[in-house]
PDB file of all heavy atoms in Angstrom:
ATOM      1  N   GLN A   1    -158.458 138.697-163.946  1.00  0.00           N
ATOM      2  CA  GLN A   1    -159.762 139.165-163.495  1.00  0.00           C
ATOM      3  C   GLN A   1    -159.786 140.682-163.356  1.00  0.00           C
ATOM      4  O   GLN A   1    -160.801 141.333-163.632  1.00  0.00           O
ATOM      5  CB  GLN A   1    -160.076 138.504-162.157  1.00  0.00           C
ATOM      6  CG  GLN A   1    -161.421 138.841-161.555  1.00  0.00           C
ATOM      7  CD  GLN A   1    -161.594 138.138-160.221  1.00  0.00           C
ATOM      8  OE1 GLN A   1    -160.831 138.313-159.289  1.00  0.00           O
ATOM      9  NE2 GLN A   1    -162.614 137.319-160.130  1.00  0.00           N
ATOM     10  N   MET A   2    -158.689 141.255-162.938  1.00  0.00           N
ATOM     11  CA  MET A   2    -158.606 142.695-162.762  1.00  0.00           C
ATOM     12  C   MET A   2    -158.759 143.439-164.092  1.00  0.00           C
ATOM     13  O   MET A   2    -159.088 144.610-164.128  1.00  0.00           O
ATOM     14  CB  MET A   2    -157.263 143.075-162.131  1.00  0.00           C
ATOM     15  CG  MET A   2    -157.073 142.589-160.716  1.00  0.00           C
ATOM     16  SD  MET A   2    -158.051 143.542-159.533  1.00  0.00           S
ATOM     17  CE  MET A   2    -157.420 142.903-157.982  1.00  0.00           C
ATOM     18  N   LEU A   3    -158.483 142.730-165.181  1.00  0.00           N
ATOM     19  CA  LEU A   3    -158.475 143.358-166.489  1.00  0.00           C
ATOM     20  C   LEU A   3    -159.719 143.052-167.320  1.00  0.00           C
ATOM     21  O   LEU A   3    -160.128 143.872-168.149  1.00  0.00           O
ATOM     22  CB  LEU A   3    -157.232 142.911-167.272  1.00  0.00           C
ATOM     23  CG  LEU A   3    -155.880 143.250-166.660  1.00  0.00           C
ATOM     24  CD1 LEU A   3    -154.773 142.565-167.440  1.00  0.00           C
ATOM     25  CD2 LEU A   3    -155.670 144.750-166.651  1.00  0.00           C
ATOM     26  N   THR A   4    -160.286 141.860-167.136  1.00  0.00           N
ATOM     27  CA  THR A   4    -161.311 141.385-168.073  1.00  0.00           C
ATOM     28  C   THR A   4    -162.666 141.075-167.457  1.00  0.00           C
ATOM     29  O   THR A   4    -163.616 140.804-168.183  1.00  0.00           O
ATOM     30  CB  THR A   4    -160.816 140.122-168.786  1.00  0.00           C
ATOM     31  OG1 THR A   4    -160.600 139.083-167.822  1.00  0.00           O
ATOM     32  CG2 THR A   4    -159.512 140.382-169.526  1.00  0.00           C
ATOM     33  N   GLN A   5    -162.766 141.072-166.142  1.00  0.00           N
ATOM     34  CA  GLN A   5    -164.019 140.652-165.509  1.00  0.00           C
ATOM     35  C   GLN A   5    -165.188 141.559-165.875  1.00  0.00           C
ATOM     36  O   GLN A   5    -165.064 142.775-165.896  1.00  0.00           O
ATOM     37  CB  GLN A   5    -163.852 140.645-163.990  1.00  0.00           C
ATOM     38  CG  GLN A   5    -165.116 140.207-163.257  1.00  0.00           C
ATOM     39  CD  GLN A   5    -164.811 139.860-161.838  1.00  0.00           C
ATOM     40  OE1 GLN A   5    -164.380 138.758-161.541  1.00  0.00           O
ATOM     41  NE2 GLN A   5    -164.991 140.816-160.957  1.00  0.00           N
ATOM     42  N   ARG A   6    -166.325 140.923-166.143  1.00  0.00           N
ATOM     43  CA  ARG A   6    -167.550 141.659-166.459  1.00  0.00           C
ATOM     44  C   ARG A   6    -168.408 141.839-165.215  1.00  0.00           C
ATOM     45  O   ARG A   6    -168.454 140.972-164.352  1.00  0.00           O
ATOM     46  CB  ARG A   6    -168.351 140.912-167.520  1.00  0.00           C
ATOM     47  CG  ARG A   6    -168.086 141.317-168.965  1.00  0.00           C
ATOM     48  CD  ARG A   6    -166.638 141.386-169.318  1.00  0.00           C
ATOM     49  NE  ARG A   6    -166.447 141.881-170.691  1.00  0.00           N
ATOM     50  CZ  ARG A   6    -165.275 142.166-171.216  1.00  0.00           C
ATOM     51  NH1 ARG A   6    -164.173 142.037-170.516  1.00  0.00           N
ATOM     52  NH2 ARG A   6    -165.192 142.616-172.463  1.00  0.00           N
ATOM     53  N   GLY A   7    -169.101 142.970-165.162  1.00  0.00           N
ATOM     54  CA  GLY A   7    -170.024 143.237-164.072  1.00  0.00           C
ATOM     55  C   GLY A   7    -171.412 142.705-164.395  1.00  0.00           C
ATOM     56  O   GLY A   7    -171.711 142.324-165.539  1.00  0.00           O
ATOM     57  N   ALA A   8    -172.275 142.685-163.393  1.00  0.00           N
ATOM     58  CA  ALA A   8    -173.617 142.121-163.540  1.00  0.00           C
ATOM     59  C   ALA A   8    -174.683 143.182-163.288  1.00  0.00           C
ATOM     60  O   ALA A   8    -174.540 144.027-162.398  1.00  0.00           O
ATOM     61  CB  ALA A   8    -173.808 140.958-162.561  1.00  0.00           C
ATOM     62  N   SER A   9    -175.746 143.106-164.048  1.00  0.00           N
ATOM     63  CA  SER A   9    -176.886 144.007-163.893  1.00  0.00           C
ATOM     64  C   SER A   9    -177.901 143.423-162.923  1.00  0.00           C
ATOM     65  O   SER A   9    -178.210 142.231-162.979  1.00  0.00           O
ATOM     66  CB  SER A   9    -177.559 144.232-165.252  1.00  0.00           C
ATOM     67  OG  SER A   9    -178.832 144.827-165.103  1.00  0.00           O
ATOM     68  N   ASN A  10    -178.447 144.268-162.043  1.00  0.00           N
ATOM     69  CA  ASN A  10    -179.467 143.810-161.093  1.00  0.00           C
ATOM     70  C   ASN A  10    -180.890 144.159-161.536  1.00  0.00           C
ATOM     71  O   ASN A  10    -181.831 144.074-160.741  1.00  0.00           O
ATOM     72  CB  ASN A  10    -179.205 144.379-159.700  1.00  0.00           C
ATOM     73  CG  ASN A  10    -179.324 145.903-159.654  1.00  0.00           C
ATOM     74  OD1 ASN A  10    -179.781 146.556-160.597  1.00  0.00           O
ATOM     75  ND2 ASN A  10    -178.902 146.491-158.534  1.00  0.00           N
ATOM     76  N   ALA A  11    -181.063 144.532-162.805  1.00  0.00           N
ATOM     77  CA  ALA A  11    -182.374 144.997-163.277  1.00  0.00           C
ATOM     78  C   ALA A  11    -183.459 143.943-163.084  1.00  0.00           C
ATOM     79  O   ALA A  11    -184.592 144.257-162.699  1.00  0.00           O
ATOM     80  CB  ALA A  11    -182.286 145.409-164.746  1.00  0.00           C
ATOM     81  N   LYS A  12    -183.135 142.682-163.341  1.00  0.00           N
ATOM     82  CA  LYS A  12    -184.146 141.623-163.206  1.00  0.00           C
ATOM     83  C   LYS A  12    -184.556 141.441-161.755  1.00  0.00           C
ATOM     84  O   LYS A  12    -185.750 141.299-161.450  1.00  0.00           O
ATOM     85  CB  LYS A  12    -183.613 140.307-163.775  1.00  0.00           C
ATOM     86  CG  LYS A  12    -184.615 139.161-163.716  1.00  0.00           C
ATOM     87  CD  LYS A  12    -184.033 137.879-164.293  1.00  0.00           C
ATOM     88  CE  LYS A  12    -185.014 136.734-164.185  1.00  0.00           C
ATOM     89  NZ  LYS A  12    -184.436 135.459-164.705  1.00  0.00           N
ATOM     90  N   ALA A  13    -183.597 141.431-160.847  1.00  0.00           N
ATOM     91  CA  ALA A  13    -183.929 141.282-159.427  1.00  0.00           C
ATOM     92  C   ALA A  13    -184.779 142.450-158.937  1.00  0.00           C
ATOM     93  O   ALA A  13    -185.690 142.277-158.122  1.00  0.00           O
ATOM     94  CB  ALA A  13    -182.660 141.162-158.590  1.00  0.00           C
ATOM     95  N   LYS A  14    -184.487 143.640-159.426  1.00  0.00           N
ATOM     96  CA  LYS A  14    -185.308 144.795-159.058  1.00  0.00           C
ATOM     97  C   LYS A  14    -186.729 144.642-159.581  1.00  0.00           C
ATOM     98  O   LYS A  14    -187.708 144.903-158.871  1.00  0.00           O
ATOM     99  CB  LYS A  14    -184.676 146.075-159.616  1.00  0.00           C
ATOM    100  CG  LYS A  14    -183.461 146.557-158.860  1.00  0.00           C
ATOM    101  CD  LYS A  14    -183.032 147.925-159.372  1.00  0.00           C
ATOM    102  CE  LYS A  14    -182.081 148.594-158.413  1.00  0.00           C
ATOM    103  NZ  LYS A  14    -181.749 149.970-158.830  1.00  0.00           N
ATOM    104  N   ARG A  15    -186.827 144.203-160.810  1.00  0.00           N
ATOM    105  CA  ARG A  15    -188.125 144.120-161.471  1.00  0.00           C
ATOM    106  C   ARG A  15    -188.977 142.975-160.923  1.00  0.00           C
ATOM    107  O   ARG A  15    -190.171 143.147-160.670  1.00  0.00           O
ATOM    108  CB  ARG A  15    -187.894 143.933-162.973  1.00  0.00           C
ATOM    109  CG  ARG A  15    -189.159 143.878-163.820  1.00  0.00           C
ATOM    110  CD  ARG A  15    -188.820 143.781-165.288  1.00  0.00           C
ATOM    111  NE  ARG A  15    -188.142 142.533-165.634  1.00  0.00           N
ATOM    112  CZ  ARG A  15    -186.859 142.440-165.995  1.00  0.00           C
ATOM    113  NH1 ARG A  15    -186.107 143.523-166.042  1.00  0.00           N
ATOM    114  NH2 ARG A  15    -186.326 141.262-166.298  1.00  0.00           N
ATOM    115  N   GLU A  16    -188.395 141.812-160.721  1.00  0.00           N
ATOM    116  CA  GLU A  16    -189.183 140.627-160.402  1.00  0.00           C
ATOM    117  C   GLU A  16    -189.185 140.261-158.919  1.00  0.00           C
ATOM    118  O   GLU A  16    -190.121 139.617-158.443  1.00  0.00           O
ATOM    119  CB  GLU A  16    -188.699 139.443-161.236  1.00  0.00           C
ATOM    120  CG  GLU A  16    -188.844 139.691-162.735  1.00  0.00           C
ATOM    121  CD  GLU A  16    -188.523 138.476-163.580  1.00  0.00           C
ATOM    122  OE1 GLU A  16    -188.522 137.350-163.040  1.00  0.00           O
ATOM    123  OE2 GLU A  16    -188.276 138.645-164.783  1.00  0.00           O
ATOM    124  N   LEU A  17    -188.142 140.643-158.197  1.00  0.00           N
ATOM    125  CA  LEU A  17    -188.105 140.370-156.752  1.00  0.00           C
ATOM    126  C   LEU A  17    -188.456 141.598-155.920  1.00  0.00           C
ATOM    127  O   LEU A  17    -188.715 141.476-154.721  1.00  0.00           O
ATOM    128  CB  LEU A  17    -186.722 139.867-156.333  1.00  0.00           C
ATOM    129  CG  LEU A  17    -186.207 138.575-156.970  1.00  0.00           C
ATOM    130  CD1 LEU A  17    -184.828 138.241-156.402  1.00  0.00           C
ATOM    131  CD2 LEU A  17    -187.172 137.427-156.765  1.00  0.00           C
ATOM    132  N   GLY A  18    -188.438 142.767-156.540  1.00  0.00           N
ATOM    133  CA  GLY A  18    -188.640 143.995-155.787  1.00  0.00           C
ATOM    134  C   GLY A  18    -187.419 144.384-154.983  1.00  0.00           C
ATOM    135  O   GLY A  18    -187.519 145.079-153.962  1.00  0.00           O
ATOM    136  N   PHE A  19    -186.239 143.979-155.451  1.00  0.00           N
ATOM    137  CA  PHE A  19    -184.990 144.227-154.747  1.00  0.00           C
ATOM    138  C   PHE A  19    -184.542 145.678-154.916  1.00  0.00           C
ATOM    139  O   PHE A  19    -184.430 146.181-156.034  1.00  0.00           O
ATOM    140  CB  PHE A  19    -183.908 143.292-155.277  1.00  0.00           C
ATOM    141  CG  PHE A  19    -182.529 143.536-154.754  1.00  0.00           C
ATOM    142  CD1 PHE A  19    -182.282 143.550-153.389  1.00  0.00           C
ATOM    143  CD2 PHE A  19    -181.456 143.722-155.627  1.00  0.00           C
ATOM    144  CE1 PHE A  19    -180.999 143.762-152.896  1.00  0.00           C
ATOM    145  CE2 PHE A  19    -180.170 143.928-155.148  1.00  0.00           C
ATOM    146  CZ  PHE A  19    -179.944 143.945-153.781  1.00  0.00           C
ATOM    147  N   THR A  20    -184.318 146.353-153.799  1.00  0.00           N
ATOM    148  CA  THR A  20    -183.764 147.709-153.808  1.00  0.00           C
ATOM    149  C   THR A  20    -182.644 147.756-152.777  1.00  0.00           C
ATOM    150  O   THR A  20    -182.897 147.760-151.569  1.00  0.00           O
ATOM    151  CB  THR A  20    -184.830 148.761-153.456  1.00  0.00           C
ATOM    152  OG1 THR A  20    -185.918 148.673-154.377  1.00  0.00           O
ATOM    153  CG2 THR A  20    -184.237 150.163-153.508  1.00  0.00           C
ATOM    154  N   PRO A  21    -181.376 147.729-153.224  1.00  0.00           N
ATOM    155  CA  PRO A  21    -180.290 147.703-152.247  1.00  0.00           C
ATOM    156  C   PRO A  21    -180.254 148.953-151.375  1.00  0.00           C
ATOM    157  O   PRO A  21    -180.415 150.071-151.869  1.00  0.00           O
ATOM    158  CB  PRO A  21    -179.027 147.586-153.110  1.00  0.00           C
ATOM    159  CG  PRO A  21    -179.435 148.060-154.462  1.00  0.00           C
ATOM    160  CD  PRO A  21    -180.882 147.740-154.610  1.00  0.00           C
ATOM    161  N   ARG A  22    -180.048 148.746-150.100  1.00  0.00           N
ATOM    162  CA  ARG A  22    -179.893 149.868-149.184  1.00  0.00           C
ATOM    163  C   ARG A  22    -178.648 150.673-149.544  1.00  0.00           C
ATOM    164  O   ARG A  22    -178.624 151.902-149.414  1.00  0.00           O
ATOM    165  CB  ARG A  22    -179.780 149.338-147.752  1.00  0.00           C
ATOM    166  CG  ARG A  22    -179.517 150.409-146.704  1.00  0.00           C
ATOM    167  CD  ARG A  22    -179.263 149.780-145.354  1.00  0.00           C
ATOM    168  NE  ARG A  22    -178.825 150.755-144.366  1.00  0.00           N
ATOM    169  CZ  ARG A  22    -178.225 150.449-143.217  1.00  0.00           C
ATOM    170  NH1 ARG A  22    -178.012 149.174-142.902  1.00  0.00           N
ATOM    171  NH2 ARG A  22    -177.856 151.386-142.378  1.00  0.00           N
ATOM    172  N   PHE A  23    -177.621 149.962-149.992  1.00  0.00           N
ATOM    173  CA  PHE A  23    -176.388 150.614-150.432  1.00  0.00           C
ATOM    174  C   PHE A  23    -176.299 150.452-151.945  1.00  0.00           C
ATOM    175  O   PHE A  23    -175.880 149.397-152.436  1.00  0.00           O
ATOM    176  CB  PHE A  23    -175.176 149.983-149.748  1.00  0.00           C
ATOM    177  CG  PHE A  23    -175.189 150.147-148.250  1.00  0.00           C
ATOM    178  CD1 PHE A  23    -175.539 149.091-147.424  1.00  0.00           C
ATOM    179  CD2 PHE A  23    -174.863 151.365-147.675  1.00  0.00           C
ATOM    180  CE1 PHE A  23    -175.559 149.241-146.046  1.00  0.00           C
ATOM    181  CE2 PHE A  23    -174.876 151.529-146.290  1.00  0.00           C
ATOM    182  CZ  PHE A  23    -175.232 150.470-145.477  1.00  0.00           C
ATOM    183  N   PRO A  24    -176.679 151.478-152.716  1.00  0.00           N
ATOM    184  CA  PRO A  24    -176.717 151.354-154.171  1.00  0.00           C
ATOM    185  C   PRO A  24    -175.356 151.101-154.804  1.00  0.00           C
ATOM    186  O   PRO A  24    -175.283 150.559-155.900  1.00  0.00           O
ATOM    187  CB  PRO A  24    -177.284 152.710-154.629  1.00  0.00           C
ATOM    188  CG  PRO A  24    -177.987 153.265-153.433  1.00  0.00           C
ATOM    189  CD  PRO A  24    -177.218 152.772-152.257  1.00  0.00           C
ATOM    190  N   SER A  25    -174.282 151.502-154.124  1.00  0.00           N
ATOM    191  CA  SER A  25    -172.955 151.257-154.660  1.00  0.00           C
ATOM    192  C   SER A  25    -171.931 151.285-153.530  1.00  0.00           C
ATOM    193  O   SER A  25    -172.248 151.614-152.383  1.00  0.00           O
ATOM    194  CB  SER A  25    -172.591 152.312-155.715  1.00  0.00           C
ATOM    195  OG  SER A  25    -172.154 153.504-155.091  1.00  0.00           O
ATOM    196  N   HIS A  26    -170.690 150.971-153.891  1.00  0.00           N
ATOM    197  CA  HIS A  26    -169.593 151.038-152.927  1.00  0.00           C
ATOM    198  C   HIS A  26    -169.389 152.454-152.405  1.00  0.00           C
ATOM    199  O   HIS A  26    -168.836 152.645-151.326  1.00  0.00           O
ATOM    200  CB  HIS A  26    -168.301 150.566-153.599  1.00  0.00           C
ATOM    201  CG  HIS A  26    -167.789 151.527-154.630  1.00  0.00           C
ATOM    202  ND1 HIS A  26    -168.381 151.682-155.862  1.00  0.00           N
ATOM    203  CD2 HIS A  26    -166.758 152.427-154.593  1.00  0.00           C
ATOM    204  CE1 HIS A  26    -167.744 152.608-156.547  1.00  0.00           C
ATOM    205  NE2 HIS A  26    -166.755 153.081-155.815  1.00  0.00           N
ATOM    206  N   ARG A  27    -169.844 153.455-153.164  1.00  0.00           N
ATOM    207  CA  ARG A  27    -169.632 154.839-152.758  1.00  0.00           C
ATOM    208  C   ARG A  27    -170.293 155.125-151.412  1.00  0.00           C
ATOM    209  O   ARG A  27    -169.761 155.866-150.586  1.00  0.00           O
ATOM    210  CB  ARG A  27    -170.173 155.794-153.818  1.00  0.00           C
ATOM    211  CG  ARG A  27    -169.526 155.639-155.178  1.00  0.00           C
ATOM    212  CD  ARG A  27    -170.186 156.529-156.216  1.00  0.00           C
ATOM    213  NE  ARG A  27    -169.793 156.174-157.566  1.00  0.00           N
ATOM    214  CZ  ARG A  27    -168.658 156.541-158.140  1.00  0.00           C
ATOM    215  NH1 ARG A  27    -167.812 157.308-157.469  1.00  0.00           N
ATOM    216  NH2 ARG A  27    -168.368 156.164-159.379  1.00  0.00           N
ATOM    217  N   GLU A  28    -171.477 154.559-151.201  1.00  0.00           N
ATOM    218  CA  GLU A  28    -172.164 154.706-149.916  1.00  0.00           C
ATOM    219  C   GLU A  28    -171.778 153.586-148.945  1.00  0.00           C
ATOM    220  O   GLU A  28    -171.665 153.790-147.743  1.00  0.00           O
ATOM    221  CB  GLU A  28    -173.681 154.674-150.112  1.00  0.00           C
ATOM    222  CG  GLU A  28    -174.242 155.745-151.035  1.00  0.00           C
ATOM    223  CD  GLU A  28    -174.204 155.341-152.496  1.00  0.00           C
ATOM    224  OE1 GLU A  28    -173.914 154.152-152.785  1.00  0.00           O
ATOM    225  OE2 GLU A  28    -174.453 156.207-153.354  1.00  0.00           O
ATOM    226  N   GLY A  29    -171.576 152.388-149.519  1.00  0.00           N
ATOM    227  CA  GLY A  29    -171.389 151.221-148.671  1.00  0.00           C
ATOM    228  C   GLY A  29    -170.061 151.157-147.960  1.00  0.00           C
ATOM    229  O   GLY A  29    -170.006 150.888-146.750  1.00  0.00           O
ATOM    230  N   PHE A  30    -168.948 151.375-148.674  1.00  0.00           N
ATOM    231  CA  PHE A  30    -167.642 151.259-148.030  1.00  0.00           C
ATOM    232  C   PHE A  30    -167.501 152.240-146.853  1.00  0.00           C
ATOM    233  O   PHE A  30    -167.086 151.827-145.761  1.00  0.00           O
ATOM    234  CB  PHE A  30    -166.515 151.492-149.039  1.00  0.00           C
ATOM    235  CG  PHE A  30    -166.309 150.369-150.032  1.00  0.00           C
ATOM    236  CD1 PHE A  30    -165.408 150.513-151.075  1.00  0.00           C
ATOM    237  CD2 PHE A  30    -166.991 149.163-149.924  1.00  0.00           C
ATOM    238  CE1 PHE A  30    -165.196 149.486-151.992  1.00  0.00           C
ATOM    239  CE2 PHE A  30    -166.803 148.133-150.825  1.00  0.00           C
ATOM    240  CZ  PHE A  30    -165.899 148.307-151.866  1.00  0.00           C
ATOM    241  N   PRO A  31    -167.814 153.518-147.026  1.00  0.00           N
ATOM    242  CA  PRO A  31    -167.702 154.428-145.878  1.00  0.00           C
ATOM    243  C   PRO A  31    -168.593 154.027-144.713  1.00  0.00           C
ATOM    244  O   PRO A  31    -168.207 154.174-143.543  1.00  0.00           O
ATOM    245  CB  PRO A  31    -168.102 155.786-146.456  1.00  0.00           C
ATOM    246  CG  PRO A  31    -167.825 155.675-147.920  1.00  0.00           C
ATOM    247  CD  PRO A  31    -168.157 154.259-148.266  1.00  0.00           C
ATOM    248  N   ALA A  32    -169.795 153.531-145.010  1.00  0.00           N
ATOM    249  CA  ALA A  32    -170.701 153.123-143.929  1.00  0.00           C
ATOM    250  C   ALA A  32    -170.137 151.954-143.142  1.00  0.00           C
ATOM    251  O   ALA A  32    -170.208 151.899-141.907  1.00  0.00           O
ATOM    252  CB  ALA A  32    -172.072 152.771-144.506  1.00  0.00           C
ATOM    253  N   VAL A  33    -169.533 150.995-143.842  1.00  0.00           N
ATOM    254  CA  VAL A  33    -168.999 149.809-143.184  1.00  0.00           C
ATOM    255  C   VAL A  33    -167.804 150.150-142.307  1.00  0.00           C
ATOM    256  O   VAL A  33    -167.642 149.602-141.214  1.00  0.00           O
ATOM    257  CB  VAL A  33    -168.609 148.754-144.256  1.00  0.00           C
ATOM    258  CG1 VAL A  33    -167.761 147.642-143.635  1.00  0.00           C
ATOM    259  CG2 VAL A  33    -169.863 148.163-144.894  1.00  0.00           C
ATOM    260  N   PHE A  34    -166.969 151.064-142.782  1.00  0.00           N
ATOM    261  CA  PHE A  34    -165.741 151.393-142.055  1.00  0.00           C
ATOM    262  C   PHE A  34    -165.821 152.689-141.251  1.00  0.00           C
ATOM    263  O   PHE A  34    -164.804 153.191-140.771  1.00  0.00           O
ATOM    264  CB  PHE A  34    -164.565 151.440-143.032  1.00  0.00           C
ATOM    265  CG  PHE A  34    -164.180 150.079-143.544  1.00  0.00           C
ATOM    266  CD1 PHE A  34    -164.693 149.617-144.749  1.00  0.00           C
ATOM    267  CD2 PHE A  34    -163.341 149.260-142.822  1.00  0.00           C
ATOM    268  CE1 PHE A  34    -164.357 148.353-145.222  1.00  0.00           C
ATOM    269  CE2 PHE A  34    -163.001 148.011-143.298  1.00  0.00           C
ATOM    270  CZ  PHE A  34    -163.507 147.546-144.490  1.00  0.00           C
ATOM    271  N   GLY A  35    -167.031 153.212-141.094  1.00  0.00           N
ATOM    272  CA  GLY A  35    -167.223 154.374-140.246  1.00  0.00           C
ATOM    273  C   GLY A  35    -166.645 155.653-140.785  1.00  0.00           C
ATOM    274  O   GLY A  35    -166.378 156.583-140.029  1.00  0.00           O
ATOM    275  N   ALA A  36    -166.492 155.710-142.135  1.00  0.00           N
ATOM    276  CA  ALA A  36    -165.909 156.911-142.721  1.00  0.00           C
ATOM    277  C   ALA A  36    -166.952 157.841-143.285  1.00  0.00           C
ATOM    278  O   ALA A  36    -166.628 158.898-143.827  1.00  0.00           O
ATOM    279  CB  ALA A  36    -164.928 156.524-143.851  1.00  0.00           C
TER     280      ALA A  36
END
């Protein structure tokens, strides 16, 4: 999995559900979760 796993696009959820993540990526999310 570390070598071959594919990522997923959220374009459909954004378009049809109106989904906008508060944390667009781990870059913002990980520090926020761990207080960094």
